[in-house]
C-alpha atoms as a PDB file:
ATOM      1  CA  UNK A   1      61.344 -15.148  67.379  1.00  0.00           C
ATOM      2  CA  UNK A   2      61.579 -11.419  67.363  1.00  0.00           C
ATOM      3  CA  UNK A   3      60.419  -8.605  65.200  1.00  0.00           C
ATOM      4  CA  UNK A   4      60.589  -4.873  65.016  1.00  0.00           C
ATOM      5  CA  UNK A   5      58.248  -2.396  63.419  1.00  0.00           C
ATOM      6  CA  UNK A   6      59.050   1.301  63.442  1.00  0.00           C
ATOM      7  CA  UNK A   7      56.021   3.533  63.104  1.00  0.00           C
ATOM      8  CA  UNK A   8      56.193   7.006  61.637  1.00  0.00           C
ATOM      9  CA  UNK A   9      52.587   7.951  62.279  1.00  0.00           C
ATOM     10  CA  UNK A  10      50.980  10.576  64.453  1.00  0.00           C
ATOM     11  CA  UNK A  11      48.077   8.439  65.655  1.00  0.00           C
ATOM     12  CA  UNK A  12      47.881   6.945  69.136  1.00  0.00           C
ATOM     13  CA  UNK A  13      46.949   3.453  67.904  1.00  0.00           C
ATOM     14  CA  UNK A  14      48.181   1.360  64.999  1.00  0.00           C
ATOM     15  CA  UNK A  15      47.078  -2.087  63.809  1.00  0.00           C
ATOM     16  CA  UNK A  16      49.102  -4.373  61.581  1.00  0.00           C
ATOM     17  CA  UNK A  17      48.920  -7.937  60.325  1.00  0.00           C
ATOM     18  CA  UNK A  18      51.934 -10.067  61.317  1.00  0.00           C
ATOM     19  CA  UNK A  19      53.889 -11.844  58.589  1.00  0.00           C
ATOM     20  CA  UNK A  20      56.125 -14.793  59.439  1.00  0.00           C
ATOM     21  CA  UNK A  21      58.731 -15.857  56.889  1.00  0.00           C
ATOM     22  CA  UNK A  22      60.982 -18.859  57.458  1.00  0.00           C
ATOM     23  CA  UNK A  23      63.546 -19.775  54.844  1.00  0.00           C
ATOM     24  CA  UNK A  24      61.775 -17.659  52.243  1.00  0.00           C
ATOM     25  CA  UNK A  25      58.406 -19.325  52.894  1.00  0.00           C
ATOM     26  CA  UNK A  26      55.600 -17.117  54.197  1.00  0.00           C
ATOM     27  CA  UNK A  27      53.550 -18.914  56.860  1.00  0.00           C
ATOM     28  CA  UNK A  28      49.799 -18.482  57.136  1.00  0.00           C
ATOM     29  CA  UNK A  29      48.943 -16.673  60.373  1.00  0.00           C
ATOM     30  CA  UNK A  30      45.276 -16.335  59.507  1.00  0.00           C
ATOM     31  CA  UNK A  31      43.552 -13.038  60.039  1.00  0.00           C
ATOM     32  CA  UNK A  32      45.498 -12.113  63.171  1.00  0.00           C
ATOM     33  CA  UNK A  33      45.987  -8.416  63.849  1.00  0.00           C
ATOM     34  CA  UNK A  34      48.329  -6.839  66.382  1.00  0.00           C
ATOM     35  CA  UNK A  35      47.350  -3.435  67.755  1.00  0.00           C
ATOM     36  CA  UNK A  36      49.928  -1.077  69.232  1.00  0.00           C
ATOM     37  CA  UNK A  37      48.525   1.441  71.686  1.00  0.00           C
ATOM     38  CA  UNK A  38      50.641   4.485  72.509  1.00  0.00           C
ATOM     39  CA  UNK A  39      49.518   4.490  76.146  1.00  0.00           C
ATOM     40  CA  UNK A  40      50.820   0.912  76.551  1.00  0.00           C
ATOM     41  CA  UNK A  41      54.048   1.327  74.587  1.00  0.00           C
ATOM     42  CA  UNK A  42      57.271   2.593  76.133  1.00  0.00           C
ATOM     43  CA  UNK A  43      59.210   5.365  74.412  1.00  0.00           C
ATOM     44  CA  UNK A  44      63.005   5.528  74.670  1.00  0.00           C
ATOM     45  CA  UNK A  45      64.436   9.058  74.601  1.00  0.00           C
ATOM     46  CA  UNK A  46      68.053   8.312  75.591  1.00  0.00           C
ATOM     47  CA  UNK A  47      70.528   5.459  75.977  1.00  0.00           C
ATOM     48  CA  UNK A  48      73.666   6.021  78.022  1.00  0.00           C
ATOM     49  CA  UNK A  49      76.500   5.315  77.594  1.00  0.00           C
ATOM     50  CA  UNK A  50      76.474   4.976  73.805  1.00  0.00           C
ATOM     51  CA  UNK A  51      79.648   2.830  73.762  1.00  0.00           C
ATOM     52  CA  UNK A  52      80.920   0.009  75.938  1.00  0.00           C
ATOM     53  CA  UNK A  53      83.347  -2.851  76.227  1.00  0.00           C
ATOM     54  CA  UNK A  54      82.940  -6.156  74.358  1.00  0.00           C
ATOM     55  CA  UNK A  55      83.953  -7.894  77.580  1.00  0.00           C
ATOM     56  CA  UNK A  56      80.710  -6.806  79.275  1.00  0.00           C
ATOM     57  CA  UNK A  57      80.048  -5.389  82.702  1.00  0.00           C
ATOM     58  CA  UNK A  58      78.855  -1.966  81.529  1.00  0.00           C
ATOM     59  CA  UNK A  59      75.673  -0.564  83.102  1.00  0.00           C
ATOM     60  CA  UNK A  60      73.416   0.839  80.367  1.00  0.00           C
ATOM     61  CA  UNK A  61      70.612   3.285  81.247  1.00  0.00           C
ATOM     62  CA  UNK A  62      67.505   3.551  79.075  1.00  0.00           C
ATOM     63  CA  UNK A  63      65.538   6.744  79.745  1.00  0.00           C
ATOM     64  CA  UNK A  64      62.072   7.540  78.451  1.00  0.00           C
ATOM     65  CA  UNK A  65      58.415   7.182  79.311  1.00  0.00           C
ATOM     66  CA  UNK A  66      55.982   4.345  79.795  1.00  0.00           C
ATOM     67  CA  UNK A  67      58.243   1.896  81.618  1.00  0.00           C
ATOM     68  CA  UNK A  68      55.204   0.883  83.613  1.00  0.00           C
ATOM     69  CA  UNK A  69      56.365  -2.369  85.109  1.00  0.00           C
ATOM     70  CA  UNK A  70      58.289  -2.814  88.329  1.00  0.00           C
ATOM     71  CA  UNK A  71      58.674  -6.526  87.514  1.00  0.00           C
ATOM     72  CA  UNK A  72      62.015  -7.242  85.829  1.00  0.00           C
ATOM     73  CA  UNK A  73      60.498 -10.386  84.263  1.00  0.00           C
ATOM     74  CA  UNK A  74      58.554  -8.044  81.949  1.00  0.00           C
ATOM     75  CA  UNK A  75      61.790  -6.742  80.399  1.00  0.00           C
ATOM     76  CA  UNK A  76      64.137  -8.444  77.968  1.00  0.00           C
ATOM     77  CA  UNK A  77      67.185  -6.509  76.786  1.00  0.00           C
ATOM     78  CA  UNK A  78      69.882  -7.926  74.531  1.00  0.00           C
ATOM     79  CA  UNK A  79      72.837  -6.514  72.622  1.00  0.00           C
ATOM     80  CA  UNK A  80      74.034  -8.618  69.653  1.00  0.00           C
ATOM     81  CA  UNK A  81      72.012 -11.563  71.034  1.00  0.00           C
ATOM     82  CA  UNK A  82      73.754 -11.313  74.434  1.00  0.00           C
ATOM     83  CA  UNK A  83      71.483 -10.883  77.457  1.00  0.00           C
ATOM     84  CA  UNK A  84      71.711  -7.639  79.401  1.00  0.00           C
ATOM     85  CA  UNK A  85      70.204  -8.526  82.814  1.00  0.00           C
ATOM     86  CA  UNK A  86      68.092  -5.849  84.493  1.00  0.00           C
ATOM     87  CA  UNK A  87      69.493  -4.018  87.519  1.00  0.00           C
ATOM     88  CA  UNK A  88      66.392  -4.543  89.686  1.00  0.00           C
ATOM     89  CA  UNK A  89      66.905  -1.484  91.897  1.00  0.00           C
ATOM     90  CA  UNK A  90      67.056   0.769  88.812  1.00  0.00           C
ATOM     91  CA  UNK A  91      63.516   0.287  87.477  1.00  0.00           C
ATOM     92  CA  UNK A  92      61.140   3.244  87.426  1.00  0.00           C
ATOM     93  CA  UNK A  93      58.449   4.689  85.157  1.00  0.00           C
ATOM     94  CA  UNK A  94      61.120   6.731  83.328  1.00  0.00           C
ATOM     95  CA  UNK A  95      64.233   4.545  83.291  1.00  0.00           C
ATOM     96  CA  UNK A  96      65.640   1.041  83.466  1.00  0.00           C
ATOM     97  CA  UNK A  97      69.228  -0.181  83.648  1.00  0.00           C
ATOM     98  CA  UNK A  98      70.907  -3.403  82.617  1.00  0.00           C
ATOM     99  CA  UNK A  99      74.433  -4.805  82.861  1.00  0.00           C
ATOM    100  CA  UNK A 100      75.952  -5.973  79.581  1.00  0.00           C
ATOM    101  CA  UNK A 101      77.266  -9.489  79.122  1.00  0.00           C
ATOM    102  CA  UNK A 102      80.449 -10.435  77.295  1.00  0.00           C
ATOM    103  CA  UNK A 103      80.233 -10.659  73.514  1.00  0.00           C
ATOM    104  CA  UNK A 104      80.362 -14.337  72.568  1.00  0.00           C
ATOM    105  CA  UNK A 105      83.087 -15.621  70.310  1.00  0.00           C
ATOM    106  CA  UNK A 106      85.822 -13.465  71.791  1.00  0.00           C
ATOM    107  CA  UNK A 107      88.982 -15.300  72.753  1.00  0.00           C
ATOM    108  CA  UNK A 108      89.487 -15.531  76.499  1.00  0.00           C
ATOM    109  CA  UNK A 109      93.119 -14.507  76.817  1.00  0.00           C
ATOM    110  CA  UNK A 110      94.821 -13.911  80.122  1.00  0.00           C
ATOM    111  CA  UNK A 111      97.319 -11.079  79.778  1.00  0.00           C
ATOM    112  CA  UNK A 112     100.925 -12.075  80.281  1.00  0.00           C
ATOM    113  CA  UNK A 113     103.826  -9.751  80.997  1.00  0.00           C
ATOM    114  CA  UNK A 114     107.230 -11.085  79.937  1.00  0.00           C
ATOM    115  CA  UNK A 115     110.515  -9.401  80.862  1.00  0.00           C
ATOM    116  CA  UNK A 116     113.418 -10.111  78.558  1.00  0.00           C
ATOM    117  CA  UNK A 117     116.967  -9.270  79.429  1.00  0.00           C
ATOM    118  CA  UNK A 118     120.374  -9.878  77.917  1.00  0.00           C
ATOM    119  CA  UNK A 119     123.167 -11.538  79.843  1.00  0.00           C
END
């Protein structure tokens, strides 16, 4: 499961009640509340490069603040549901890098060069 909430507020903390919907049915999660604390939430200020190959292998750099973990197990980055494994040596408080995987569903075609000549 995954979810995203974008906050356009100026406060340092924000609480919200999670809602889980499966197949149009809203599940009861009780009175659970999730609190986002600015001091514990990373902020991304740049992503570079902005474009890459669908075959993977591109190193993507996320720059920002609050990347407070030196443990790559605390990060999970995906593009179009394809894992982007962390480059362990790249982790710092202000940046993290990952290497993109190949986009699934692409045909694996080996290029062939054919020379034709007339006799």
